[in-house]
Amino acid sequence: MWKKSELREAPAPLEGPVVGTIIGGTIIWFVLFLGQLPFYGWYADNGHAWWVWTCLAGGGLGLLGIWYVRKRDAAIKRAAAATADPS
């Protein structure tokens, strides 16, 4: 019996401005957090306080993501430089 994955190969991964994308997403999370903060009382009264804390967690994880993708990008550039200039 054939499997659906045997019909075609997986596409190549997309490469783009990963660092910029993560920075943009992190900024959006922090803006959402700051935008909801003045209305925290309403969110708490209606049982939606977790929305505020979710935005803060997204911003915090975004900071971790920025650190990670910058290290990854630097490692990729070092590996490319090492293979391009074998001396």
C-alpha atoms as a PDB file:
ATOM      1  CA  MET A   1       0.000   0.000   0.000  1.00  0.00           C
ATOM      2  CA  TRP A   2       1.374   3.426  -0.882  1.00  0.00           C
ATOM      3  CA  LYS A   3       1.514   6.350   1.436  1.00  0.00           C
ATOM      4  CA  LYS A   4       0.600   9.875   0.499  1.00  0.00           C
ATOM      5  CA  SER A   5       4.104  11.100   1.431  1.00  0.00           C
ATOM      6  CA  GLU A   6       5.604   8.734  -1.168  1.00  0.00           C
ATOM      7  CA  LEU A   7       3.891  10.570  -4.028  1.00  0.00           C
ATOM      8  CA  ARG A   8       6.188  13.600  -3.968  1.00  0.00           C
ATOM      9  CA  GLU A   9       9.173  14.940  -2.128  1.00  0.00           C
ATOM     10  CA  ALA A  10       8.876  17.539   0.578  1.00  0.00           C
ATOM     11  CA  PRO A  11       9.464  21.112  -0.595  1.00  0.00           C
ATOM     12  CA  ALA A  12      12.603  22.947   0.422  1.00  0.00           C
ATOM     13  CA  PRO A  13      12.233  25.011   3.604  1.00  0.00           C
ATOM     14  CA  LEU A  14      11.511  28.688   3.166  1.00  0.00           C
ATOM     15  CA  GLU A  15      14.304  31.020   4.162  1.00  0.00           C
ATOM     16  CA  GLY A  16      13.669  34.685   4.713  1.00  0.00           C
ATOM     17  CA  PRO A  17      14.309  37.491   7.171  1.00  0.00           C
ATOM     18  CA  VAL A  18      13.758  35.320  10.235  1.00  0.00           C
ATOM     19  CA  VAL A  19      15.272  37.760  12.740  1.00  0.00           C
ATOM     20  CA  GLY A  20      13.118  40.619  11.459  1.00  0.00           C
ATOM     21  CA  THR A  21      10.010  38.471  11.542  1.00  0.00           C
ATOM     22  CA  ILE A  22      10.589  37.442  15.158  1.00  0.00           C
ATOM     23  CA  ILE A  23      11.356  41.034  16.189  1.00  0.00           C
ATOM     24  CA  GLY A  24       8.157  42.227  14.510  1.00  0.00           C
ATOM     25  CA  GLY A  25       6.076  39.561  16.214  1.00  0.00           C
ATOM     26  CA  THR A  26       7.606  40.350  19.594  1.00  0.00           C
ATOM     27  CA  ILE A  27       6.829  44.034  19.169  1.00  0.00           C
ATOM     28  CA  ILE A  28       3.225  43.178  18.294  1.00  0.00           C
ATOM     29  CA  TRP A  29       2.863  41.033  21.447  1.00  0.00           C
ATOM     30  CA  PHE A  30       4.219  43.843  23.658  1.00  0.00           C
ATOM     31  CA  VAL A  31       1.992  46.451  21.964  1.00  0.00           C
ATOM     32  CA  LEU A  32      -1.033  44.217  22.565  1.00  0.00           C
ATOM     33  CA  PHE A  33      -0.009  43.813  26.202  1.00  0.00           C
ATOM     34  CA  LEU A  34       0.393  47.554  26.713  1.00  0.00           C
ATOM     35  CA  GLY A  35      -2.871  48.236  24.888  1.00  0.00           C
ATOM     36  CA  GLN A  36      -4.826  45.892  27.147  1.00  0.00           C
ATOM     37  CA  LEU A  37      -3.166  46.909  30.396  1.00  0.00           C
ATOM     38  CA  PRO A  38      -5.350  50.011  31.026  1.00  0.00           C
ATOM     39  CA  PHE A  39      -8.437  47.787  30.755  1.00  0.00           C
ATOM     40  CA  TYR A  40      -7.163  45.084  33.099  1.00  0.00           C
ATOM     41  CA  GLY A  41     -10.035  45.654  35.530  1.00  0.00           C
ATOM     42  CA  TRP A  42     -12.607  44.956  32.827  1.00  0.00           C
ATOM     43  CA  TYR A  43     -10.749  41.850  31.705  1.00  0.00           C
ATOM     44  CA  ALA A  44     -10.512  40.586  35.298  1.00  0.00           C
ATOM     45  CA  ASP A  45     -14.196  41.288  35.992  1.00  0.00           C
ATOM     46  CA  ASN A  46     -15.267  39.335  32.906  1.00  0.00           C
ATOM     47  CA  GLY A  47     -12.894  36.407  33.393  1.00  0.00           C
ATOM     48  CA  HIS A  48     -10.547  37.359  30.566  1.00  0.00           C
ATOM     49  CA  ALA A  49      -7.482  38.457  32.532  1.00  0.00           C
ATOM     50  CA  TRP A  50      -5.536  35.640  30.887  1.00  0.00           C
ATOM     51  CA  TRP A  51      -5.648  37.613  27.606  1.00  0.00           C
ATOM     52  CA  VAL A  52      -3.397  40.262  29.134  1.00  0.00           C
ATOM     53  CA  TRP A  53      -0.959  37.708  30.533  1.00  0.00           C
ATOM     54  CA  THR A  54      -0.929  35.768  27.276  1.00  0.00           C
ATOM     55  CA  CYS A  55       0.314  38.877  25.475  1.00  0.00           C
ATOM     56  CA  LEU A  56       3.025  39.370  28.087  1.00  0.00           C
ATOM     57  CA  ALA A  57       4.071  35.730  27.771  1.00  0.00           C
ATOM     58  CA  GLY A  58       4.156  36.091  23.979  1.00  0.00           C
ATOM     59  CA  GLY A  59       6.429  39.104  24.297  1.00  0.00           C
ATOM     60  CA  GLY A  60       8.695  37.299  26.748  1.00  0.00           C
ATOM     61  CA  LEU A  61       8.935  34.238  24.546  1.00  0.00           C
ATOM     62  CA  GLY A  62       9.560  36.543  21.613  1.00  0.00           C
ATOM     63  CA  LEU A  63      12.629  37.921  23.425  1.00  0.00           C
ATOM     64  CA  LEU A  64      13.874  34.362  23.837  1.00  0.00           C
ATOM     65  CA  GLY A  65      13.131  33.759  20.154  1.00  0.00           C
ATOM     66  CA  ILE A  66      15.108  36.843  19.115  1.00  0.00           C
ATOM     67  CA  TRP A  67      18.117  35.571  21.053  1.00  0.00           C
ATOM     68  CA  TYR A  68      17.756  32.111  19.510  1.00  0.00           C
ATOM     69  CA  VAL A  69      17.369  33.172  15.875  1.00  0.00           C
ATOM     70  CA  ARG A  70      20.246  35.666  16.116  1.00  0.00           C
ATOM     71  CA  LYS A  71      22.526  32.884  17.408  1.00  0.00           C
ATOM     72  CA  ARG A  72      21.237  30.548  14.673  1.00  0.00           C
ATOM     73  CA  ASP A  73      21.775  33.168  11.974  1.00  0.00           C
ATOM     74  CA  ALA A  74      25.323  33.809  13.202  1.00  0.00           C
ATOM     75  CA  ALA A  75      26.083  30.066  13.212  1.00  0.00           C
ATOM     76  CA  ILE A  76      24.758  29.671   9.658  1.00  0.00           C
ATOM     77  CA  LYS A  77      26.918  32.579   8.486  1.00  0.00           C
ATOM     78  CA  ARG A  78      29.998  31.126  10.244  1.00  0.00           C
ATOM     79  CA  ALA A  79      29.413  27.731   8.644  1.00  0.00           C
ATOM     80  CA  ALA A  80      28.971  29.307   5.211  1.00  0.00           C
ATOM     81  CA  ALA A  81      32.169  31.308   5.631  1.00  0.00           C
ATOM     82  CA  ALA A  82      34.083  28.212   6.762  1.00  0.00           C
ATOM     83  CA  THR A  83      33.008  26.185   3.717  1.00  0.00           C
ATOM     84  CA  ALA A  84      33.614  29.072   1.302  1.00  0.00           C
ATOM     85  CA  ASP A  85      37.187  29.755   2.484  1.00  0.00           C
ATOM     86  CA  PRO A  86      38.873  26.457   3.501  1.00  0.00           C
ATOM     87  CA  SER A  87      42.250  27.736   4.669  1.00  0.00           C
END
